[in-house]
Amino acid sequence: MTRPLNEQYGISVAALGMLNYLQRISRGDPAFSIQDTVLNHRCNVTPSDNFSLLDQLFDAGKVDYDYRGSGLDGERHVKLVR
């Protein structure tokens, strides 16, 4: 019997849903990224600054971060690991 995909990756079902959404909207574009708070909002994570699902995906090696700007104007963008 095969284990569910989220268990194989070591992530929650909600994090797997976020990963599937990110894969769908990126359409295979390796340069695609989305701001972390926007991704949380689109995946109905509340509050939008709760990054536990993204932390799971990062720890599992499924996403990486791209930092843009510095200081208070800095933004963290999420991109898929290919």
N, C-alpha and C. Protein backbone atom coordinates (compact mmCIF):
# COMPACT_ATOMS: atom_id res chain seq x y z
N MET A 1 0.85 -1.18 0.00
CA MET A 1 0.00 0.00 0.00
C MET A 1 0.89 1.24 0.00
N THR A 2 0.55 2.18 -0.82
CA THR A 2 1.32 3.41 -0.96
C THR A 2 0.82 4.45 0.03
N ARG A 3 1.77 5.13 0.66
CA ARG A 3 1.40 6.19 1.60
C ARG A 3 0.91 7.41 0.82
N PRO A 4 0.04 8.21 1.43
CA PRO A 4 -0.42 9.44 0.77
C PRO A 4 0.75 10.36 0.47
N LEU A 5 0.60 11.18 -0.56
CA LEU A 5 1.67 12.06 -1.02
C LEU A 5 2.14 13.02 0.07
N ASN A 6 1.21 13.56 0.86
CA ASN A 6 1.63 14.48 1.92
C ASN A 6 2.51 13.77 2.96
N GLU A 7 2.24 12.51 3.24
CA GLU A 7 3.08 11.75 4.17
C GLU A 7 4.44 11.45 3.55
N GLN A 8 4.46 11.17 2.26
CA GLN A 8 5.73 10.92 1.59
C GLN A 8 6.63 12.16 1.65
N TYR A 9 6.03 13.34 1.52
CA TYR A 9 6.78 14.60 1.56
C TYR A 9 7.05 15.06 2.99
N GLY A 10 6.31 14.52 3.96
CA GLY A 10 6.45 14.95 5.35
C GLY A 10 5.79 16.28 5.63
N ILE A 11 4.65 16.54 4.95
CA ILE A 11 3.93 17.80 5.12
C ILE A 11 2.46 17.51 5.41
N SER A 12 1.75 18.53 5.86
CA SER A 12 0.32 18.38 6.14
C SER A 12 -0.50 18.39 4.85
N VAL A 13 -1.74 17.99 4.97
CA VAL A 13 -2.65 18.00 3.82
C VAL A 13 -2.84 19.44 3.32
N ALA A 14 -2.92 20.40 4.25
CA ALA A 14 -3.09 21.81 3.86
C ALA A 14 -1.87 22.31 3.10
N ALA A 15 -0.67 21.91 3.54
CA ALA A 15 0.55 22.32 2.84
C ALA A 15 0.61 21.69 1.45
N LEU A 16 0.14 20.46 1.31
CA LEU A 16 0.09 19.82 0.00
C LEU A 16 -0.87 20.57 -0.92
N GLY A 17 -1.99 21.03 -0.38
CA GLY A 17 -2.92 21.83 -1.17
C GLY A 17 -2.27 23.12 -1.65
N MET A 18 -1.48 23.75 -0.79
CA MET A 18 -0.78 24.97 -1.18
C MET A 18 0.25 24.67 -2.27
N LEU A 19 0.96 23.55 -2.13
CA LEU A 19 1.94 23.15 -3.14
C LEU A 19 1.27 22.90 -4.48
N ASN A 20 0.15 22.21 -4.46
CA ASN A 20 -0.59 21.93 -5.70
C ASN A 20 -1.05 23.24 -6.35
N TYR A 21 -1.52 24.18 -5.55
CA TYR A 21 -1.95 25.47 -6.08
C TYR A 21 -0.77 26.20 -6.71
N LEU A 22 0.35 26.21 -6.03
CA LEU A 22 1.54 26.89 -6.54
C LEU A 22 2.01 26.26 -7.85
N GLN A 23 1.98 24.94 -7.94
CA GLN A 23 2.35 24.26 -9.18
C GLN A 23 1.39 24.61 -10.31
N ARG A 24 0.11 24.71 -9.99
CA ARG A 24 -0.89 25.02 -11.01
C ARG A 24 -0.73 26.45 -11.55
N ILE A 25 -0.53 27.43 -10.67
CA ILE A 25 -0.45 28.81 -11.14
C ILE A 25 0.89 29.13 -11.78
N SER A 26 1.93 28.36 -11.47
CA SER A 26 3.25 28.63 -12.07
C SER A 26 3.32 28.11 -13.51
N ARG A 27 2.46 27.16 -13.87
CA ARG A 27 2.39 26.59 -15.23
C ARG A 27 3.75 26.17 -15.77
N GLY A 28 4.60 25.64 -14.90
CA GLY A 28 5.88 25.13 -15.35
C GLY A 28 6.95 26.19 -15.56
N ASP A 29 6.65 27.44 -15.27
CA ASP A 29 7.63 28.53 -15.45
C ASP A 29 8.62 28.52 -14.29
N PRO A 30 9.89 28.20 -14.56
CA PRO A 30 10.88 28.13 -13.47
C PRO A 30 11.18 29.47 -12.83
N ALA A 31 10.85 30.56 -13.49
CA ALA A 31 11.12 31.89 -12.94
C ALA A 31 9.92 32.45 -12.15
N PHE A 32 8.82 31.71 -12.11
CA PHE A 32 7.62 32.19 -11.43
C PHE A 32 7.84 32.28 -9.93
N SER A 33 7.38 33.38 -9.35
CA SER A 33 7.38 33.52 -7.89
C SER A 33 6.16 34.36 -7.50
N ILE A 34 5.77 34.24 -6.24
CA ILE A 34 4.62 34.96 -5.72
C ILE A 34 4.96 35.39 -4.30
N GLN A 35 4.48 36.56 -3.91
CA GLN A 35 4.75 37.07 -2.58
C GLN A 35 4.12 36.14 -1.54
N ASP A 36 4.83 35.89 -0.45
CA ASP A 36 4.37 34.93 0.55
C ASP A 36 3.01 35.26 1.15
N THR A 37 2.76 36.52 1.43
CA THR A 37 1.46 36.88 2.01
C THR A 37 0.32 36.76 1.00
N VAL A 38 0.61 37.00 -0.27
CA VAL A 38 -0.40 36.83 -1.33
C VAL A 38 -0.75 35.35 -1.47
N LEU A 39 0.26 34.48 -1.46
CA LEU A 39 0.02 33.04 -1.54
C LEU A 39 -0.81 32.58 -0.36
N ASN A 40 -0.47 33.03 0.84
CA ASN A 40 -1.27 32.68 2.02
C ASN A 40 -2.71 33.12 1.85
N HIS A 41 -2.92 34.33 1.38
CA HIS A 41 -4.28 34.85 1.19
C HIS A 41 -5.05 33.99 0.18
N ARG A 42 -4.42 33.66 -0.93
CA ARG A 42 -5.10 32.87 -1.96
C ARG A 42 -5.40 31.45 -1.50
N CYS A 43 -4.62 30.96 -0.54
CA CYS A 43 -4.85 29.60 -0.02
C CYS A 43 -5.65 29.63 1.28
N ASN A 44 -6.24 30.79 1.60
CA ASN A 44 -7.11 30.96 2.76
C ASN A 44 -6.42 30.66 4.09
N VAL A 45 -5.13 31.01 4.19
CA VAL A 45 -4.41 30.88 5.45
C VAL A 45 -4.71 32.12 6.28
N THR A 46 -5.14 31.90 7.52
CA THR A 46 -5.40 33.03 8.40
C THR A 46 -4.62 32.88 9.68
N PRO A 47 -4.02 33.90 10.19
CA PRO A 47 -3.82 35.19 9.54
C PRO A 47 -2.82 35.07 8.40
N SER A 48 -2.79 36.06 7.53
CA SER A 48 -1.95 35.96 6.33
C SER A 48 -0.46 36.01 6.64
N ASP A 49 -0.09 36.34 7.88
CA ASP A 49 1.33 36.30 8.26
C ASP A 49 1.68 35.03 9.03
N ASN A 50 0.81 34.01 8.94
CA ASN A 50 1.09 32.70 9.52
C ASN A 50 1.78 31.87 8.44
N PHE A 51 3.08 31.66 8.60
CA PHE A 51 3.86 31.01 7.55
C PHE A 51 4.17 29.54 7.85
N SER A 52 3.36 28.90 8.68
CA SER A 52 3.65 27.51 9.06
C SER A 52 3.57 26.56 7.86
N LEU A 53 2.61 26.78 6.94
CA LEU A 53 2.52 25.91 5.77
C LEU A 53 3.73 26.11 4.86
N LEU A 54 4.12 27.36 4.67
CA LEU A 54 5.31 27.64 3.85
C LEU A 54 6.56 27.07 4.50
N ASP A 55 6.63 27.13 5.83
CA ASP A 55 7.78 26.55 6.54
C ASP A 55 7.85 25.04 6.29
N GLN A 56 6.70 24.37 6.29
CA GLN A 56 6.67 22.93 6.01
C GLN A 56 7.19 22.64 4.60
N LEU A 57 6.73 23.43 3.63
CA LEU A 57 7.16 23.23 2.24
C LEU A 57 8.65 23.52 2.07
N PHE A 58 9.13 24.54 2.76
CA PHE A 58 10.56 24.88 2.69
C PHE A 58 11.40 23.77 3.32
N ASP A 59 10.99 23.30 4.49
CA ASP A 59 11.72 22.23 5.17
C ASP A 59 11.72 20.93 4.37
N ALA A 60 10.66 20.70 3.59
CA ALA A 60 10.56 19.50 2.75
C ALA A 60 11.33 19.67 1.44
N GLY A 61 11.87 20.87 1.19
CA GLY A 61 12.63 21.11 -0.03
C GLY A 61 11.77 21.33 -1.27
N LYS A 62 10.52 21.71 -1.08
CA LYS A 62 9.60 21.90 -2.20
C LYS A 62 9.55 23.34 -2.71
N VAL A 63 9.87 24.31 -1.83
CA VAL A 63 9.88 25.72 -2.22
C VAL A 63 11.17 26.37 -1.72
N ASP A 64 11.48 27.49 -2.33
CA ASP A 64 12.61 28.31 -1.90
C ASP A 64 12.11 29.75 -1.86
N TYR A 65 12.90 30.61 -1.24
CA TYR A 65 12.51 32.01 -1.11
C TYR A 65 13.43 32.90 -1.91
N ASP A 66 12.86 33.95 -2.44
CA ASP A 66 13.58 34.98 -3.17
C ASP A 66 13.26 36.30 -2.46
N TYR A 67 14.30 36.91 -1.90
CA TYR A 67 14.10 38.16 -1.15
C TYR A 67 14.33 39.35 -2.07
N ARG A 68 13.39 40.28 -2.03
CA ARG A 68 13.47 41.47 -2.88
C ARG A 68 13.34 42.70 -2.01
N GLY A 69 14.21 43.67 -2.25
CA GLY A 69 14.21 44.87 -1.44
C GLY A 69 14.97 44.63 -0.14
N SER A 70 15.02 45.63 0.69
CA SER A 70 15.72 45.49 1.97
C SER A 70 15.00 46.30 3.03
N GLY A 71 15.31 45.99 4.26
CA GLY A 71 14.71 46.72 5.37
C GLY A 71 13.21 46.53 5.45
N LEU A 72 12.52 47.59 5.79
CA LEU A 72 11.07 47.52 5.94
C LEU A 72 10.34 47.33 4.62
N ASP A 73 11.01 47.69 3.51
CA ASP A 73 10.39 47.55 2.20
C ASP A 73 10.64 46.18 1.57
N GLY A 74 11.34 45.31 2.27
CA GLY A 74 11.68 43.99 1.72
C GLY A 74 10.46 43.09 1.60
N GLU A 75 10.48 42.25 0.60
CA GLU A 75 9.41 41.28 0.38
C GLU A 75 10.02 39.91 0.20
N ARG A 76 9.31 38.88 0.64
CA ARG A 76 9.76 37.51 0.44
C ARG A 76 8.82 36.87 -0.57
N HIS A 77 9.40 36.38 -1.64
CA HIS A 77 8.64 35.70 -2.69
C HIS A 77 8.94 34.21 -2.63
N VAL A 78 7.93 33.41 -2.95
CA VAL A 78 8.02 31.96 -2.91
C VAL A 78 8.15 31.46 -4.34
N LYS A 79 9.07 30.51 -4.53
CA LYS A 79 9.20 29.87 -5.85
C LYS A 79 9.38 28.37 -5.65
N LEU A 80 8.94 27.62 -6.64
CA LEU A 80 9.06 26.16 -6.58
C LEU A 80 10.50 25.74 -6.79
N VAL A 81 10.89 24.67 -6.12
CA VAL A 81 12.19 24.06 -6.35
C VAL A 81 12.00 23.03 -7.46
N ARG A 82 12.77 23.15 -8.51
CA ARG A 82 12.64 22.24 -9.65
C ARG A 82 13.63 21.11 -9.55
